[in-house]
N, C-alpha and C. Protein backbone atom coordinates (compact mmCIF):
# COMPACT_ATOMS: atom_id res chain seq x y z
N MET A 1 -74.19 -43.03 -121.44
CA MET A 1 -74.10 -42.08 -120.45
C MET A 1 -73.04 -40.88 -120.81
N LYS A 2 -71.92 -41.46 -121.63
CA LYS A 2 -70.97 -40.41 -121.96
C LYS A 2 -71.46 -39.59 -123.24
N LYS A 3 -72.34 -40.25 -123.99
CA LYS A 3 -72.92 -39.68 -125.10
C LYS A 3 -73.84 -38.52 -124.48
N LEU A 4 -74.61 -38.62 -123.71
CA LEU A 4 -75.52 -37.50 -123.20
C LEU A 4 -74.80 -36.65 -122.47
N ILE A 5 -73.82 -36.64 -121.55
CA ILE A 5 -72.90 -35.74 -121.18
C ILE A 5 -72.42 -34.85 -122.37
N LEU A 6 -71.89 -35.71 -123.28
CA LEU A 6 -71.43 -34.84 -124.29
C LEU A 6 -72.24 -33.87 -125.10
N PHE A 7 -73.44 -34.74 -125.28
CA PHE A 7 -74.26 -33.83 -126.13
C PHE A 7 -74.68 -32.70 -125.15
N LEU A 8 -74.95 -32.61 -123.83
CA LEU A 8 -75.37 -31.70 -123.14
C LEU A 8 -74.20 -30.44 -123.17
N ALA A 9 -73.05 -31.02 -122.94
CA ALA A 9 -72.03 -30.22 -123.01
C ALA A 9 -71.80 -29.39 -124.26
N LEU A 10 -72.38 -30.14 -125.43
CA LEU A 10 -72.21 -29.41 -126.85
C LEU A 10 -73.15 -28.32 -127.06
N VAL A 11 -74.59 -28.78 -126.52
CA VAL A 11 -75.56 -27.62 -126.37
C VAL A 11 -75.53 -26.61 -125.70
N THR A 12 -74.74 -26.98 -124.41
CA THR A 12 -74.56 -25.81 -123.40
C THR A 12 -73.91 -24.92 -123.90
N PHE A 13 -72.61 -25.20 -124.65
CA PHE A 13 -71.82 -24.34 -125.26
C PHE A 13 -72.09 -23.83 -126.50
N LEU A 14 -73.13 -24.34 -127.38
CA LEU A 14 -73.55 -23.64 -128.33
C LEU A 14 -74.45 -22.64 -128.08
N LEU A 15 -75.44 -22.82 -126.99
CA LEU A 15 -76.25 -21.66 -126.72
C LEU A 15 -75.89 -20.64 -125.74
N ALA A 16 -74.66 -21.08 -125.04
CA ALA A 16 -74.32 -19.96 -123.97
C ALA A 16 -74.09 -18.42 -124.40
N PRO A 17 -73.41 -18.29 -125.69
CA PRO A 17 -73.64 -16.70 -126.11
C PRO A 17 -74.62 -16.24 -126.40
N ALA A 18 -75.72 -16.88 -126.77
CA ALA A 18 -77.13 -16.45 -126.95
C ALA A 18 -77.91 -16.17 -125.90
N ALA A 19 -77.42 -17.06 -124.75
CA ALA A 19 -78.15 -16.89 -123.44
C ALA A 19 -77.60 -15.89 -122.50
N PHE A 20 -76.09 -15.68 -122.32
CA PHE A 20 -75.62 -14.82 -121.67
C PHE A 20 -74.80 -13.69 -122.50
N PRO A 21 -75.57 -12.56 -123.23
CA PRO A 21 -74.87 -11.63 -124.38
C PRO A 21 -73.57 -10.93 -123.57
N GLU A 22 -72.27 -10.85 -123.72
CA GLU A 22 -71.51 -9.98 -122.90
C GLU A 22 -71.53 -8.63 -123.37
N SER A 23 -71.97 -8.28 -124.39
CA SER A 23 -72.30 -6.80 -124.65
C SER A 23 -73.13 -6.74 -125.61
N LYS A 24 -73.89 -5.43 -125.78
CA LYS A 24 -74.81 -5.19 -126.74
C LYS A 24 -73.99 -4.91 -127.87
N SER A 25 -74.48 -5.43 -129.49
CA SER A 25 -74.01 -4.63 -130.61
C SER A 25 -74.70 -3.72 -131.16
N SER A 26 -73.85 -2.78 -131.57
CA SER A 26 -74.50 -1.30 -131.76
C SER A 26 -75.28 -1.59 -133.26
N ALA A 27 -76.44 -1.60 -133.78
CA ALA A 27 -76.84 -1.92 -135.00
C ALA A 27 -76.11 -1.02 -136.15
N SER A 28 -76.04 0.24 -136.08
CA SER A 28 -75.64 1.09 -136.97
C SER A 28 -74.30 0.89 -137.34
N SER A 29 -73.27 0.52 -136.55
CA SER A 29 -72.00 0.56 -136.71
C SER A 29 -71.12 -0.92 -136.55
N GLY A 30 -72.04 -2.16 -135.95
CA GLY A 30 -71.46 -3.25 -135.78
C GLY A 30 -70.18 -3.42 -134.69
N LYS A 31 -70.28 -2.50 -134.09
CA LYS A 31 -68.93 -2.34 -133.18
C LYS A 31 -69.77 -2.64 -131.81
N LYS A 32 -69.24 -3.43 -130.98
CA LYS A 32 -69.54 -3.88 -129.69
C LYS A 32 -69.58 -2.70 -128.51
N THR A 33 -70.57 -2.48 -127.70
CA THR A 33 -70.55 -1.75 -126.66
C THR A 33 -71.15 -2.37 -125.32
N THR A 34 -70.66 -1.66 -124.49
CA THR A 34 -70.93 -2.38 -123.07
C THR A 34 -71.78 -1.13 -122.35
N SER A 35 -72.96 -1.55 -121.93
CA SER A 35 -73.83 -0.53 -120.92
C SER A 35 -72.64 -0.53 -119.41
N VAL A 36 -73.03 0.56 -118.73
CA VAL A 36 -72.30 0.89 -117.67
C VAL A 36 -73.52 1.31 -117.11
N ARG A 37 -73.59 0.68 -115.62
CA ARG A 37 -74.73 1.02 -114.55
C ARG A 37 -74.37 2.35 -113.71
N GLU A 38 -75.34 2.73 -113.59
CA GLU A 38 -74.66 4.33 -112.42
C GLU A 38 -74.34 3.78 -111.17
N TYR A 39 -73.07 4.47 -111.02
CA TYR A 39 -72.40 4.21 -109.54
C TYR A 39 -72.02 5.51 -108.97
N THR A 40 -71.54 5.12 -107.52
CA THR A 40 -70.87 6.12 -106.96
C THR A 40 -69.61 6.06 -106.67
N ARG A 41 -68.75 7.10 -106.86
CA ARG A 41 -67.24 6.73 -106.63
C ARG A 41 -66.88 7.13 -105.02
N LYS A 42 -65.74 6.92 -104.66
CA LYS A 42 -65.28 7.02 -103.51
C LYS A 42 -65.48 8.40 -102.76
N ASP A 43 -65.23 9.13 -103.66
CA ASP A 43 -65.21 10.70 -103.22
C ASP A 43 -66.74 11.29 -103.43
N GLY A 44 -67.47 10.23 -103.53
CA GLY A 44 -69.12 10.72 -103.35
C GLY A 44 -69.61 11.11 -104.83
N THR A 45 -69.04 11.46 -105.83
CA THR A 45 -69.81 11.87 -106.99
C THR A 45 -70.46 10.58 -107.74
N VAL A 46 -71.27 10.89 -108.27
CA VAL A 46 -72.24 9.83 -109.10
C VAL A 46 -72.01 9.82 -110.42
N VAL A 47 -71.54 8.73 -111.19
CA VAL A 47 -71.38 8.54 -112.45
C VAL A 47 -72.69 7.79 -112.88
N HIS A 48 -73.39 8.65 -113.90
CA HIS A 48 -74.64 7.90 -114.42
C HIS A 48 -74.31 7.07 -115.35
N SER A 49 -75.23 6.00 -115.81
CA SER A 49 -75.09 5.02 -116.57
C SER A 49 -75.02 5.35 -118.11
N HIS A 50 -74.11 4.95 -118.75
CA HIS A 50 -73.91 5.11 -119.96
C HIS A 50 -73.45 3.80 -120.91
N ALA A 51 -73.07 4.25 -122.14
CA ALA A 51 -72.49 3.02 -122.90
C ALA A 51 -71.03 3.35 -123.37
N ARG A 52 -70.50 2.47 -123.48
CA ARG A 52 -69.16 2.61 -123.89
C ARG A 52 -68.60 1.46 -125.02
N SER A 53 -67.46 1.67 -125.52
CA SER A 53 -67.27 0.66 -126.78
C SER A 53 -66.48 -0.47 -125.72
N ALA A 54 -66.17 -1.41 -126.88
CA ALA A 54 -65.80 -2.66 -125.94
C ALA A 54 -64.19 -2.45 -125.66
N SER A 55 -63.41 -1.44 -126.35
CA SER A 55 -62.09 -1.19 -126.07
C SER A 55 -61.97 -0.78 -124.60
N GLY A 56 -63.46 -0.04 -124.27
CA GLY A 56 -63.19 0.61 -122.56
C GLY A 56 -63.14 2.25 -122.67
N ARG A 57 -63.01 2.74 -124.24
CA ARG A 57 -62.76 4.26 -124.34
C ARG A 57 -64.06 4.71 -124.39
N ALA A 58 -64.44 5.75 -124.05
CA ALA A 58 -65.62 6.40 -124.38
C ALA A 58 -65.64 6.73 -125.74
N PRO A 59 -67.23 7.22 -126.20
CA PRO A 59 -66.97 7.45 -127.70
C PRO A 59 -66.57 8.81 -127.65
N SER A 60 -65.75 8.85 -129.14
CA SER A 60 -65.02 10.26 -129.55
C SER A 60 -65.86 11.46 -129.53
N LYS A 61 -65.10 12.34 -129.05
CA LYS A 61 -65.64 13.80 -128.90
C LYS A 61 -65.48 14.50 -130.05
N SER A 62 -65.03 13.90 -131.22
CA SER A 62 -64.78 14.85 -132.40
C SER A 62 -66.33 14.73 -133.30
N LYS A 63 -66.85 13.95 -132.71
CA LYS A 63 -68.52 14.15 -133.70
C LYS A 63 -69.17 15.57 -133.13
N ASN A 64 -68.69 15.78 -131.90
CA ASN A 64 -69.43 17.34 -131.49
C ASN A 64 -68.68 18.58 -132.26
N PRO A 65 -69.40 19.18 -133.00
CA PRO A 65 -68.44 20.40 -133.72
C PRO A 65 -68.10 21.37 -132.90
N LYS A 66 -68.74 21.44 -131.70
CA LYS A 66 -67.97 22.46 -130.85
C LYS A 66 -66.83 22.02 -129.87
N ALA A 67 -66.42 20.82 -129.99
CA ALA A 67 -65.49 20.11 -129.63
C ALA A 67 -64.23 20.31 -130.44
N TYR A 68 -64.35 20.09 -131.60
CA TYR A 68 -63.15 19.90 -132.85
C TYR A 68 -63.25 20.73 -133.96
N CYS A 69 -62.57 21.81 -134.16
CA CYS A 69 -62.88 22.61 -135.25
C CYS A 69 -62.18 21.97 -136.61
N ALA A 70 -63.01 21.66 -137.34
CA ALA A 70 -62.73 20.82 -138.76
C ALA A 70 -62.47 22.00 -139.75
N SER A 71 -62.72 23.14 -139.50
CA SER A 71 -62.18 23.93 -140.79
C SER A 71 -61.06 24.89 -140.30
N CYS A 72 -60.70 24.79 -139.20
CA CYS A 72 -59.03 25.27 -138.70
C CYS A 72 -58.06 24.90 -139.52
N LYS A 73 -57.09 25.84 -139.79
CA LYS A 73 -55.98 25.07 -140.26
C LYS A 73 -55.03 24.99 -139.30
N ARG A 74 -54.32 23.40 -139.42
CA ARG A 74 -53.46 22.75 -138.64
C ARG A 74 -51.98 22.91 -138.91
N ASP A 75 -51.10 22.78 -138.04
CA ASP A 75 -49.73 22.39 -138.37
C ASP A 75 -49.03 20.79 -138.36
N SER A 76 -48.23 20.39 -138.53
CA SER A 76 -47.85 19.38 -138.58
C SER A 76 -48.14 18.14 -137.62
N ARG A 77 -48.37 18.87 -136.48
CA ARG A 77 -48.82 18.18 -135.33
C ARG A 77 -50.07 17.81 -134.90
N GLY A 78 -51.09 18.63 -135.74
CA GLY A 78 -52.57 18.69 -135.86
C GLY A 78 -52.98 19.60 -134.88
N LYS A 79 -52.01 20.36 -134.26
CA LYS A 79 -52.27 21.62 -133.44
C LYS A 79 -52.91 22.94 -134.18
N ILE A 80 -53.81 23.47 -133.85
CA ILE A 80 -54.53 24.76 -134.64
C ILE A 80 -53.16 25.90 -134.77
N ARG A 81 -53.22 26.00 -135.92
CA ARG A 81 -52.38 26.99 -136.48
C ARG A 81 -52.41 28.31 -136.05
N ARG A 82 -51.59 29.14 -135.23
CA ARG A 82 -51.60 30.57 -134.66
C ARG A 82 -50.88 31.58 -135.72
N SER A 83 -51.45 32.48 -135.77
CA SER A 83 -51.09 33.73 -136.54
C SER A 83 -49.88 34.39 -136.02
N GLU A 84 -48.55 34.09 -136.58
CA GLU A 84 -47.58 34.72 -135.95
C GLU A 84 -47.62 36.49 -135.79
N THR A 85 -48.19 36.83 -136.93
CA THR A 85 -48.34 38.44 -137.20
C THR A 85 -49.48 38.99 -135.89
N ALA A 86 -50.40 37.94 -135.68
CA ALA A 86 -51.54 38.77 -134.85
C ALA A 86 -50.69 38.56 -133.24
N THR A 87 -49.81 37.48 -133.13
CA THR A 87 -49.09 37.37 -132.01
C THR A 87 -48.55 38.68 -131.47
N ARG A 88 -47.56 39.02 -132.54
CA ARG A 88 -46.78 40.20 -132.55
C ARG A 88 -47.35 41.61 -132.41
N ALA A 89 -48.53 41.52 -132.81
CA ALA A 89 -49.19 42.76 -132.96
C ALA A 89 -49.69 42.89 -131.36
N PHE A 90 -50.25 41.85 -130.85
CA PHE A 90 -50.57 41.54 -129.32
C PHE A 90 -49.51 42.36 -128.71
N ARG A 91 -48.44 41.47 -128.83
CA ARG A 91 -47.03 41.65 -127.89
C ARG A 91 -46.53 43.31 -127.75
N LYS A 92 -46.78 43.77 -129.22
CA LYS A 92 -46.52 45.28 -129.32
C LYS A 92 -47.40 46.13 -128.67
N SER A 93 -48.75 46.00 -128.76
CA SER A 93 -49.41 46.78 -127.65
C SER A 93 -49.74 46.44 -126.49
N HIS A 94 -49.33 45.20 -126.07
CA HIS A 94 -49.50 44.81 -124.72
C HIS A 94 -48.34 44.07 -124.27
N PRO A 95 -47.08 45.01 -123.73
CA PRO A 95 -46.15 44.36 -123.26
C PRO A 95 -46.00 43.27 -122.11
N CYS A 96 -44.90 42.50 -122.01
CA CYS A 96 -45.18 41.25 -120.97
C CYS A 96 -45.33 42.15 -119.69
N PRO A 97 -46.35 41.40 -118.94
CA PRO A 97 -46.19 41.97 -117.53
C PRO A 97 -45.08 41.76 -116.75
N ALA A 98 -44.37 40.68 -116.90
CA ALA A 98 -42.98 40.66 -115.76
C ALA A 98 -42.21 41.25 -116.41
N THR A 99 -41.64 41.82 -117.53
CA THR A 99 -40.62 42.39 -117.90
C THR A 99 -40.61 43.49 -118.70
N ARG A 100 -41.88 43.97 -119.09
CA ARG A 100 -42.46 45.19 -119.92
C ARG A 100 -41.74 45.23 -121.23
N LYS A 101 -41.20 44.06 -121.58
CA LYS A 101 -40.46 44.02 -123.15
C LYS A 101 -41.74 43.51 -124.14
N THR A 102 -41.60 44.29 -125.40
CA THR A 102 -42.33 43.76 -126.36
C THR A 102 -41.87 42.23 -127.16
N THR A 103 -40.80 42.21 -127.05
CA THR A 103 -40.17 40.89 -127.59
C THR A 103 -39.48 39.88 -126.42
N GLY A 104 -39.31 38.82 -126.93
CA GLY A 104 -38.48 38.12 -126.13
C GLY A 104 -39.31 37.19 -125.18
N ALA A 105 -38.78 36.49 -124.23
CA ALA A 105 -39.53 35.41 -123.37
C ALA A 105 -40.11 36.33 -122.38
N CYS A 106 -41.54 35.72 -121.77
CA CYS A 106 -42.24 36.36 -120.92
C CYS A 106 -42.41 35.55 -119.76
N PRO A 107 -41.24 35.36 -118.90
CA PRO A 107 -41.32 34.12 -117.61
C PRO A 107 -42.71 34.21 -116.79
N GLY A 108 -43.51 32.95 -116.75
CA GLY A 108 -44.58 33.02 -115.78
C GLY A 108 -45.80 33.28 -116.75
N TYR A 109 -45.71 33.79 -117.80
CA TYR A 109 -47.06 34.24 -118.50
C TYR A 109 -47.42 33.62 -120.01
N VAL A 110 -48.31 33.53 -120.35
CA VAL A 110 -48.54 32.78 -121.72
C VAL A 110 -49.94 33.73 -122.43
N ILE A 111 -49.64 33.78 -123.69
CA ILE A 111 -50.77 34.49 -124.08
C ILE A 111 -51.84 33.58 -124.81
N ASP A 112 -53.23 33.93 -124.12
CA ASP A 112 -54.19 33.33 -124.27
C ASP A 112 -55.55 34.01 -124.99
N HIS A 113 -56.14 32.87 -125.72
CA HIS A 113 -57.16 33.30 -126.62
C HIS A 113 -58.40 33.42 -125.32
N VAL A 114 -59.23 34.46 -125.36
CA VAL A 114 -60.20 34.80 -124.56
C VAL A 114 -61.40 33.77 -125.08
N VAL A 115 -61.70 33.87 -126.28
CA VAL A 115 -62.58 32.91 -127.07
C VAL A 115 -61.66 31.99 -127.62
N PRO A 116 -61.65 30.63 -127.27
CA PRO A 116 -60.59 29.54 -127.85
C PRO A 116 -60.85 29.43 -129.41
N LEU A 117 -59.67 29.08 -130.09
CA LEU A 117 -59.60 29.07 -131.46
C LEU A 117 -60.64 27.71 -131.72
N LYS A 118 -60.60 26.71 -130.98
CA LYS A 118 -61.44 25.65 -131.39
C LYS A 118 -63.11 25.80 -131.17
N ARG A 119 -63.26 27.09 -130.29
CA ARG A 119 -64.70 27.11 -130.43
C ARG A 119 -65.11 28.40 -131.15
N GLY A 120 -64.33 28.85 -132.21
CA GLY A 120 -64.76 29.77 -133.03
C GLY A 120 -64.17 31.23 -132.79
N GLY A 121 -63.25 31.22 -131.76
CA GLY A 121 -62.51 32.41 -131.57
C GLY A 121 -61.51 33.07 -132.74
N ALA A 122 -61.45 34.30 -132.71
CA ALA A 122 -60.77 34.97 -133.98
C ALA A 122 -59.26 34.94 -133.32
N ASP A 123 -58.23 34.48 -134.23
CA ASP A 123 -56.97 34.61 -134.14
C ASP A 123 -56.36 36.18 -134.39
N ASP A 124 -56.97 37.13 -133.39
CA ASP A 124 -56.86 38.46 -133.53
C ASP A 124 -56.30 39.06 -131.91
N PRO A 125 -55.60 40.17 -132.18
CA PRO A 125 -55.24 40.55 -130.90
C PRO A 125 -56.19 41.07 -129.96
N ARG A 126 -57.44 41.30 -130.48
CA ARG A 126 -58.32 41.80 -129.65
C ARG A 126 -58.99 40.63 -129.09
N ASN A 127 -58.86 39.28 -129.16
CA ASN A 127 -59.06 38.01 -128.62
C ASN A 127 -58.00 37.46 -127.81
N MET A 128 -57.02 38.13 -127.60
CA MET A 128 -55.99 37.66 -126.80
C MET A 128 -55.65 38.32 -125.62
N GLN A 129 -55.00 37.52 -124.63
CA GLN A 129 -54.80 38.04 -123.11
C GLN A 129 -53.63 37.61 -122.72
N TRP A 130 -53.02 38.36 -121.68
CA TRP A 130 -51.82 37.68 -120.86
C TRP A 130 -52.30 36.94 -119.75
N GLN A 131 -51.91 35.86 -119.51
CA GLN A 131 -52.41 34.92 -118.50
C GLN A 131 -51.05 34.23 -117.83
N THR A 132 -51.25 34.07 -116.37
CA THR A 132 -50.32 33.46 -115.91
C THR A 132 -50.29 31.90 -116.24
N THR A 133 -49.16 31.05 -115.94
CA THR A 133 -48.91 29.78 -116.42
C THR A 133 -50.13 29.02 -115.46
N ALA A 134 -50.20 29.04 -114.19
CA ALA A 134 -51.25 28.40 -113.51
C ALA A 134 -52.64 28.58 -114.02
N GLN A 135 -53.16 30.20 -114.24
CA GLN A 135 -54.39 30.09 -114.90
C GLN A 135 -54.61 29.48 -116.21
N ALA A 136 -53.53 29.43 -116.77
CA ALA A 136 -53.96 28.89 -118.25
C ALA A 136 -54.04 27.46 -117.80
N LYS A 137 -53.41 26.66 -117.04
CA LYS A 137 -53.48 25.43 -116.87
C LYS A 137 -55.04 25.10 -116.24
N ALA A 138 -55.37 25.95 -115.42
CA ALA A 138 -56.61 25.73 -114.80
C ALA A 138 -57.77 25.95 -115.90
N LYS A 139 -57.57 26.82 -116.88
CA LYS A 139 -58.75 27.04 -117.75
C LYS A 139 -58.57 26.31 -118.82
N ASP A 140 -57.25 25.47 -118.85
CA ASP A 140 -57.26 24.25 -120.15
C ASP A 140 -58.15 23.04 -119.49
N ARG A 141 -57.95 23.06 -118.18
CA ARG A 141 -58.53 21.84 -117.63
C ARG A 141 -59.94 21.93 -117.83
N VAL A 142 -60.69 22.96 -117.79
CA VAL A 142 -62.02 23.54 -117.79
C VAL A 142 -62.63 23.39 -119.55
N GLU A 143 -61.74 24.10 -120.27
CA GLU A 143 -61.97 23.87 -121.65
C GLU A 143 -62.27 22.74 -122.43
N ASP A 144 -61.56 21.80 -121.99
CA ASP A 144 -61.03 20.65 -122.42
C ASP A 144 -60.34 20.18 -123.47
């Protein structure tokens, strides 16, 4: 009787992963992904079904050419390098809205690119504008 129970336990242990796969394996990369079913959040928004990696993170956005500029020059922190001469030229022709000065700090305002650099916008005074810090934060949330 003990041998039969041991045998059944062994067979169950060996067959369990095949009968109940926890995640689907990606054929191309060998990484495990998990399917997430469609669900509704407490605030009423619907999250559609999608696949995510076993680590719980969404797939990287860097594969999308519009989300990451691979050809842009970057600084030591990985940020897109901005032209200081273009910024100086913009400030010379567009003084700070708060202080009316062409040099120094401009409290409450930042220089913003109308078309973002990571979307192919030019680092040129014609593509720059003054923007309040609150507007800049809101725009950054939308732009991603």
